[in-house]
Amino acid sequence: MVKIVTEECGGMIVISVADNGTGASMTTTQKEHHSVGLENTRRRLEIQCGGTPELEITENGSAATIKLPKTGGSGE
């Protein structure tokens, strides 16, 4: 099951996508590559609009959350 939630919280727009799958087991090389992608995403969100991403992977599923300020950042 995939669950998508959007909400406003403390001046932020919060977008979350979660599933209850078993998750993916990754090799060390895949984890390193995955981390580069997350770092690039984090930096772009921060620079463009002051946003932040979060990713949580557990044996019970995965969740990705992006928080964006309602007023935007330097990319306005």
PDB file of N, CA and C in Angstrom:
ATOM      1  N   MET A   1       0.836  -1.167   0.000  1.00  0.00           N
ATOM      2  CA  MET A   1       0.000   0.000   0.000  1.00  0.00           C
ATOM      3  C   MET A   1       0.894   1.247   0.000  1.00  0.00           C
ATOM      4  N   VAL A   2       0.529   2.228  -0.790  1.00  0.00           N
ATOM      5  CA  VAL A   2       1.238   3.501  -0.824  1.00  0.00           C
ATOM      6  C   VAL A   2       0.317   4.566  -0.250  1.00  0.00           C
ATOM      7  N   LYS A   3       0.871   5.394   0.629  1.00  0.00           N
ATOM      8  CA  LYS A   3       0.097   6.455   1.260  1.00  0.00           C
ATOM      9  C   LYS A   3       0.772   7.785   0.947  1.00  0.00           C
ATOM     10  N   ILE A   4       0.009   8.743   0.418  1.00  0.00           N
ATOM     11  CA  ILE A   4       0.514  10.073   0.105  1.00  0.00           C
ATOM     12  C   ILE A   4      -0.255  11.069   0.956  1.00  0.00           C
ATOM     13  N   VAL A   5       0.491  11.918   1.675  1.00  0.00           N
ATOM     14  CA  VAL A   5      -0.130  12.895   2.573  1.00  0.00           C
ATOM     15  C   VAL A   5       0.494  14.261   2.327  1.00  0.00           C
ATOM     16  N   THR A   6      -0.336  15.278   2.244  1.00  0.00           N
ATOM     17  CA  THR A   6       0.149  16.657   2.218  1.00  0.00           C
ATOM     18  C   THR A   6      -0.523  17.391   3.368  1.00  0.00           C
ATOM     19  N   GLU A   7       0.246  18.251   4.021  1.00  0.00           N
ATOM     20  CA  GLU A   7      -0.318  19.019   5.124  1.00  0.00           C
ATOM     21  C   GLU A   7       0.477  20.301   5.330  1.00  0.00           C
ATOM     22  N   GLU A   8      -0.132  21.233   6.014  1.00  0.00           N
ATOM     23  CA  GLU A   8       0.537  22.466   6.403  1.00  0.00           C
ATOM     24  C   GLU A   8       0.858  22.362   7.880  1.00  0.00           C
ATOM     25  N   CYS A   9       2.097  22.657   8.230  1.00  0.00           N
ATOM     26  CA  CYS A   9       2.512  22.518   9.619  1.00  0.00           C
ATOM     27  C   CYS A   9       3.542  23.595   9.949  1.00  0.00           C
ATOM     28  N   GLY A  10       3.183  24.535  10.796  1.00  0.00           N
ATOM     29  CA  GLY A  10       4.121  25.552  11.248  1.00  0.00           C
ATOM     30  C   GLY A  10       4.752  26.365  10.132  1.00  0.00           C
ATOM     31  N   GLY A  11       3.973  26.798   9.163  1.00  0.00           N
ATOM     32  CA  GLY A  11       4.495  27.598   8.069  1.00  0.00           C
ATOM     33  C   GLY A  11       5.182  26.787   6.983  1.00  0.00           C
ATOM     34  N   MET A  12       5.095  25.461   7.071  1.00  0.00           N
ATOM     35  CA  MET A  12       5.706  24.575   6.075  1.00  0.00           C
ATOM     36  C   MET A  12       4.625  23.754   5.379  1.00  0.00           C
ATOM     37  N   ILE A  13       4.873  23.463   4.108  1.00  0.00           N
ATOM     38  CA  ILE A  13       4.068  22.494   3.380  1.00  0.00           C
ATOM     39  C   ILE A  13       4.836  21.176   3.476  1.00  0.00           C
ATOM     40  N   VAL A  14       4.195  20.129   3.957  1.00  0.00           N
ATOM     41  CA  VAL A  14       4.846  18.836   4.161  1.00  0.00           C
ATOM     42  C   VAL A  14       4.201  17.817   3.225  1.00  0.00           C
ATOM     43  N   ILE A  15       5.038  17.182   2.398  1.00  0.00           N
ATOM     44  CA  ILE A  15       4.574  16.169   1.459  1.00  0.00           C
ATOM     45  C   ILE A  15       5.257  14.861   1.832  1.00  0.00           C
ATOM     46  N   SER A  16       4.469  13.828   2.116  1.00  0.00           N
ATOM     47  CA  SER A  16       5.015  12.533   2.526  1.00  0.00           C
ATOM     48  C   SER A  16       4.467  11.427   1.635  1.00  0.00           C
ATOM     49  N   VAL A  17       5.351  10.524   1.244  1.00  0.00           N
ATOM     50  CA  VAL A  17       4.966   9.336   0.490  1.00  0.00           C
ATOM     51  C   VAL A  17       5.545   8.148   1.246  1.00  0.00           C
ATOM     52  N   ALA A  18       4.696   7.193   1.602  1.00  0.00           N
ATOM     53  CA  ALA A  18       5.145   6.036   2.386  1.00  0.00           C
ATOM     54  C   ALA A  18       4.548   4.760   1.811  1.00  0.00           C
ATOM     55  N   ASP A  19       5.271   3.659   1.996  1.00  0.00           N
ATOM     56  CA  ASP A  19       4.728   2.358   1.622  1.00  0.00           C
ATOM     57  C   ASP A  19       5.031   1.359   2.730  1.00  0.00           C
ATOM     58  N   ASN A  20       4.375   0.223   2.660  1.00  0.00           N
ATOM     59  CA  ASN A  20       4.584  -0.804   3.682  1.00  0.00           C
ATOM     60  C   ASN A  20       5.287  -2.025   3.106  1.00  0.00           C
ATOM     61  N   GLY A  21       6.059  -1.817   2.036  1.00  0.00           N
ATOM     62  CA  GLY A  21       6.798  -2.915   1.413  1.00  0.00           C
ATOM     63  C   GLY A  21       7.975  -3.344   2.270  1.00  0.00           C
ATOM     64  N   THR A  22       8.631  -4.387   1.830  1.00  0.00           N
ATOM     65  CA  THR A  22       9.762  -4.922   2.592  1.00  0.00           C
ATOM     66  C   THR A  22      11.027  -4.113   2.405  1.00  0.00           C
ATOM     67  N   GLY A  23      11.028  -3.148   1.491  1.00  0.00           N
ATOM     68  CA  GLY A  23      12.217  -2.342   1.264  1.00  0.00           C
ATOM     69  C   GLY A  23      13.207  -3.086   0.392  1.00  0.00           C
ATOM     70  N   ALA A  24      14.226  -2.386  -0.023  1.00  0.00           N
ATOM     71  CA  ALA A  24      15.229  -2.983  -0.896  1.00  0.00           C
ATOM     72  C   ALA A  24      16.524  -3.146  -0.123  1.00  0.00           C
ATOM     73  N   SER A  25      17.143  -4.307  -0.244  1.00  0.00           N
ATOM     74  CA  SER A  25      18.460  -4.465   0.336  1.00  0.00           C
ATOM     75  C   SER A  25      19.454  -3.959  -0.705  1.00  0.00           C
ATOM     76  N   MET A  26      20.387  -3.105  -0.281  1.00  0.00           N
ATOM     77  CA  MET A  26      21.324  -2.495  -1.200  1.00  0.00           C
ATOM     78  C   MET A  26      22.748  -2.917  -0.903  1.00  0.00           C
ATOM     79  N   THR A  27      23.542  -3.038  -1.961  1.00  0.00           N
ATOM     80  CA  THR A  27      24.960  -3.295  -1.787  1.00  0.00           C
ATOM     81  C   THR A  27      25.629  -2.010  -1.319  1.00  0.00           C
ATOM     82  N   THR A  28      26.874  -2.093  -0.879  1.00  0.00           N
ATOM     83  CA  THR A  28      27.609  -0.909  -0.437  1.00  0.00           C
ATOM     84  C   THR A  28      27.701   0.119  -1.557  1.00  0.00           C
ATOM     85  N   THR A  29      27.968  -0.322  -2.780  1.00  0.00           N
ATOM     86  CA  THR A  29      28.063   0.598  -3.914  1.00  0.00           C
ATOM     87  C   THR A  29      26.731   1.291  -4.151  1.00  0.00           C
ATOM     88  N   GLN A  30      25.635   0.569  -4.083  1.00  0.00           N
ATOM     89  CA  GLN A  30      24.319   1.169  -4.267  1.00  0.00           C
ATOM     90  C   GLN A  30      24.024   2.180  -3.165  1.00  0.00           C
ATOM     91  N   LYS A  31      24.402   1.890  -1.928  1.00  0.00           N
ATOM     92  CA  LYS A  31      24.176   2.814  -0.817  1.00  0.00           C
ATOM     93  C   LYS A  31      24.954   4.096  -1.031  1.00  0.00           C
ATOM     94  N   GLU A  32      26.201   3.988  -1.482  1.00  0.00           N
ATOM     95  CA  GLU A  32      27.007   5.179  -1.728  1.00  0.00           C
ATOM     96  C   GLU A  32      26.388   6.013  -2.844  1.00  0.00           C
ATOM     97  N   HIS A  33      25.953   5.379  -3.916  1.00  0.00           N
ATOM     98  CA  HIS A  33      25.332   6.096  -5.020  1.00  0.00           C
ATOM     99  C   HIS A  33      24.020   6.733  -4.559  1.00  0.00           C
ATOM    100  N   HIS A  34      23.245   5.987  -3.783  1.00  0.00           N
ATOM    101  CA  HIS A  34      21.965   6.465  -3.249  1.00  0.00           C
ATOM    102  C   HIS A  34      22.194   7.715  -2.396  1.00  0.00           C
ATOM    103  N   SER A  35      23.235   7.707  -1.595  1.00  0.00           N
ATOM    104  CA  SER A  35      23.533   8.843  -0.726  1.00  0.00           C
ATOM    105  C   SER A  35      23.878  10.084  -1.535  1.00  0.00           C
ATOM    106  N   VAL A  36      24.577   9.912  -2.655  1.00  0.00           N
ATOM    107  CA  VAL A  36      24.907  11.046  -3.516  1.00  0.00           C
ATOM    108  C   VAL A  36      23.628  11.667  -4.061  1.00  0.00           C
ATOM    109  N   GLY A  37      22.694  10.838  -4.492  1.00  0.00           N
ATOM    110  CA  GLY A  37      21.423  11.342  -5.010  1.00  0.00           C
ATOM    111  C   GLY A  37      20.640  12.094  -3.950  1.00  0.00           C
ATOM    112  N   LEU A  38      20.610  11.563  -2.744  1.00  0.00           N
ATOM    113  CA  LEU A  38      19.907  12.251  -1.659  1.00  0.00           C
ATOM    114  C   LEU A  38      20.585  13.570  -1.315  1.00  0.00           C
ATOM    115  N   GLU A  39      21.901  13.593  -1.310  1.00  0.00           N
ATOM    116  CA  GLU A  39      22.628  14.825  -1.008  1.00  0.00           C
ATOM    117  C   GLU A  39      22.355  15.882  -2.083  1.00  0.00           C
ATOM    118  N   ASN A  40      22.355  15.480  -3.356  1.00  0.00           N
ATOM    119  CA  ASN A  40      22.035  16.427  -4.427  1.00  0.00           C
ATOM    120  C   ASN A  40      20.627  16.987  -4.279  1.00  0.00           C
ATOM    121  N   THR A  41      19.678  16.112  -3.968  1.00  0.00           N
ATOM    122  CA  THR A  41      18.297  16.553  -3.764  1.00  0.00           C
ATOM    123  C   THR A  41      18.197  17.510  -2.585  1.00  0.00           C
ATOM    124  N   ARG A  42      18.865  17.171  -1.484  1.00  0.00           N
ATOM    125  CA  ARG A  42      18.825  18.023  -0.294  1.00  0.00           C
ATOM    126  C   ARG A  42      19.362  19.415  -0.610  1.00  0.00           C
ATOM    127  N   ARG A  43      20.495  19.472  -1.292  1.00  0.00           N
ATOM    128  CA  ARG A  43      21.118  20.758  -1.610  1.00  0.00           C
ATOM    129  C   ARG A  43      20.252  21.593  -2.551  1.00  0.00           C
ATOM    130  N   ARG A  44      19.657  20.949  -3.534  1.00  0.00           N
ATOM    131  CA  ARG A  44      18.801  21.687  -4.472  1.00  0.00           C
ATOM    132  C   ARG A  44      17.565  22.242  -3.787  1.00  0.00           C
ATOM    133  N   LEU A  45      16.928  21.426  -2.953  1.00  0.00           N
ATOM    134  CA  LEU A  45      15.759  21.915  -2.223  1.00  0.00           C
ATOM    135  C   LEU A  45      16.128  23.081  -1.313  1.00  0.00           C
ATOM    136  N   GLU A  46      17.256  22.968  -0.635  1.00  0.00           N
ATOM    137  CA  GLU A  46      17.692  24.018   0.280  1.00  0.00           C
ATOM    138  C   GLU A  46      17.990  25.314  -0.470  1.00  0.00           C
ATOM    139  N   ILE A  47      18.714  25.215  -1.572  1.00  0.00           N
ATOM    140  CA  ILE A  47      19.101  26.407  -2.329  1.00  0.00           C
ATOM    141  C   ILE A  47      17.909  27.046  -3.028  1.00  0.00           C
ATOM    142  N   GLN A  48      17.076  26.239  -3.666  1.00  0.00           N
ATOM    143  CA  GLN A  48      15.977  26.765  -4.461  1.00  0.00           C
ATOM    144  C   GLN A  48      14.833  27.334  -3.639  1.00  0.00           C
ATOM    145  N   CYS A  49      14.512  26.678  -2.519  1.00  0.00           N
ATOM    146  CA  CYS A  49      13.315  27.129  -1.809  1.00  0.00           C
ATOM    147  C   CYS A  49      13.388  26.986  -0.297  1.00  0.00           C
ATOM    148  N   GLY A  50      14.551  26.630   0.238  1.00  0.00           N
ATOM    149  CA  GLY A  50      14.656  26.478   1.689  1.00  0.00           C
ATOM    150  C   GLY A  50      14.001  25.209   2.200  1.00  0.00           C
ATOM    151  N   GLY A  51      13.807  24.217   1.333  1.00  0.00           N
ATOM    152  CA  GLY A  51      13.156  22.971   1.724  1.00  0.00           C
ATOM    153  C   GLY A  51      14.134  21.927   2.235  1.00  0.00           C
ATOM    154  N   THR A  52      13.591  20.860   2.811  1.00  0.00           N
ATOM    155  CA  THR A  52      14.414  19.754   3.314  1.00  0.00           C
ATOM    156  C   THR A  52      13.764  18.414   2.984  1.00  0.00           C
ATOM    157  N   PRO A  53      14.571  17.420   2.557  1.00  0.00           N
ATOM    158  CA  PRO A  53      14.046  16.074   2.342  1.00  0.00           C
ATOM    159  C   PRO A  53      14.437  15.149   3.493  1.00  0.00           C
ATOM    160  N   GLU A  54      13.649  14.126   3.716  1.00  0.00           N
ATOM    161  CA  GLU A  54      13.972  13.092   4.701  1.00  0.00           C
ATOM    162  C   GLU A  54      13.605  11.754   4.074  1.00  0.00           C
ATOM    163  N   LEU A  55      14.414  10.738   4.310  1.00  0.00           N
ATOM    164  CA  LEU A  55      14.124   9.403   3.808  1.00  0.00           C
ATOM    165  C   LEU A  55      14.349   8.411   4.926  1.00  0.00           C
ATOM    166  N   GLU A  56      13.364   7.548   5.131  1.00  0.00           N
ATOM    167  CA  GLU A  56      13.473   6.514   6.166  1.00  0.00           C
ATOM    168  C   GLU A  56      13.135   5.168   5.529  1.00  0.00           C
ATOM    169  N   ILE A  57      14.056   4.220   5.638  1.00  0.00           N
ATOM    170  CA  ILE A  57      13.831   2.875   5.110  1.00  0.00           C
ATOM    171  C   ILE A  57      13.961   1.900   6.265  1.00  0.00           C
ATOM    172  N   THR A  58      12.894   1.129   6.501  1.00  0.00           N
ATOM    173  CA  THR A  58      12.897   0.136   7.568  1.00  0.00           C
ATOM    174  C   THR A  58      12.423  -1.192   6.994  1.00  0.00           C
ATOM    175  N   GLU A  59      12.446  -2.210   7.796  1.00  0.00           N
ATOM    176  CA  GLU A  59      11.949  -3.514   7.342  1.00  0.00           C
ATOM    177  C   GLU A  59      10.431  -3.494   7.158  1.00  0.00           C
ATOM    178  N   ASN A  60       9.767  -2.467   7.689  1.00  0.00           N
ATOM    179  CA  ASN A  60       8.313  -2.351   7.576  1.00  0.00           C
ATOM    180  C   ASN A  60       7.867  -1.413   6.473  1.00  0.00           C
ATOM    181  N   GLY A  61       8.810  -0.879   5.691  1.00  0.00           N
ATOM    182  CA  GLY A  61       8.439   0.019   4.607  1.00  0.00           C
ATOM    183  C   GLY A  61       9.379   1.205   4.506  1.00  0.00           C
ATOM    184  N   SER A  62       9.044   2.107   3.613  1.00  0.00           N
ATOM    185  CA  SER A  62       9.862   3.288   3.378  1.00  0.00           C
ATOM    186  C   SER A  62       8.988   4.529   3.414  1.00  0.00           C
ATOM    187  N   ALA A  63       9.594   5.657   3.767  1.00  0.00           N
ATOM    188  CA  ALA A  63       8.874   6.928   3.773  1.00  0.00           C
ATOM    189  C   ALA A  63       9.804   8.032   3.304  1.00  0.00           C
ATOM    190  N   ALA A  64       9.315   8.850   2.376  1.00  0.00           N
ATOM    191  CA  ALA A  64      10.045  10.021   1.909  1.00  0.00           C
ATOM    192  C   ALA A  64       9.200  11.241   2.228  1.00  0.00           C
ATOM    193  N   THR A  65       9.825  12.247   2.827  1.00  0.00           N
ATOM    194  CA  THR A  65       9.117  13.459   3.217  1.00  0.00           C
ATOM    195  C   THR A  65       9.897  14.669   2.723  1.00  0.00           C
ATOM    196  N   ILE A  66       9.185  15.624   2.153  1.00  0.00           N
ATOM    197  CA  ILE A  66       9.788  16.892   1.740  1.00  0.00           C
ATOM    198  C   ILE A  66       9.038  17.996   2.472  1.00  0.00           C
ATOM    199  N   LYS A  67       9.802  18.909   3.094  1.00  0.00           N
ATOM    200  CA  LYS A  67       9.225  20.057   3.783  1.00  0.00           C
ATOM    201  C   LYS A  67       9.628  21.315   3.029  1.00  0.00           C
ATOM    202  N   LEU A  68       8.625  22.116   2.644  1.00  0.00           N
ATOM    203  CA  LEU A  68       8.853  23.341   1.897  1.00  0.00           C
ATOM    204  C   LEU A  68       8.235  24.524   2.626  1.00  0.00           C
ATOM    205  N   PRO A  69       8.983  25.617   2.783  1.00  0.00           N
ATOM    206  CA  PRO A  69       8.393  26.781   3.424  1.00  0.00           C
ATOM    207  C   PRO A  69       7.311  27.375   2.520  1.00  0.00           C
ATOM    208  N   LYS A  70       6.230  27.833   3.116  1.00  0.00           N
ATOM    209  CA  LYS A  70       5.140  28.420   2.334  1.00  0.00           C
ATOM    210  C   LYS A  70       5.590  29.644   1.568  1.00  0.00           C
ATOM    211  N   THR A  71       6.574  30.358   2.078  1.00  0.00           N
ATOM    212  CA  THR A  71       7.009  31.603   1.445  1.00  0.00           C
ATOM    213  C   THR A  71       8.112  31.408   0.434  1.00  0.00           C
ATOM    214  N   GLY A  72       8.685  30.199   0.312  1.00  0.00           N
ATOM    215  CA  GLY A  72       9.761  29.941  -0.642  1.00  0.00           C
ATOM    216  C   GLY A  72      11.079  30.447  -0.157  1.00  0.00           C
ATOM    217  N   GLY A  73      12.126  30.173  -0.922  1.00  0.00           N
ATOM    218  CA  GLY A  73      13.490  30.585  -0.549  1.00  0.00           C
ATOM    219  C   GLY A  73      14.065  31.481  -1.601  1.00  0.00           C
ATOM    220  N   SER A  74      15.361  31.352  -1.853  1.00  0.00           N
ATOM    221  CA  SER A  74      16.050  32.230  -2.787  1.00  0.00           C
ATOM    222  C   SER A  74      15.628  31.989  -4.235  1.00  0.00           C
ATOM    223  N   GLY A  75      14.958  30.887  -4.511  1.00  0.00           N
ATOM    224  CA  GLY A  75      14.526  30.586  -5.870  1.00  0.00           C
ATOM    225  C   GLY A  75      13.196  31.209  -6.248  1.00  0.00           C
ATOM    226  N   GLU A  76      12.618  32.080  -5.399  1.00  0.00           N
ATOM    227  CA  GLU A  76      11.319  32.697  -5.656  1.00  0.00           C
ATOM    228  C   GLU A  76      11.369  33.569  -6.883  1.00  0.00           C
TER     229      GLU A  76
END
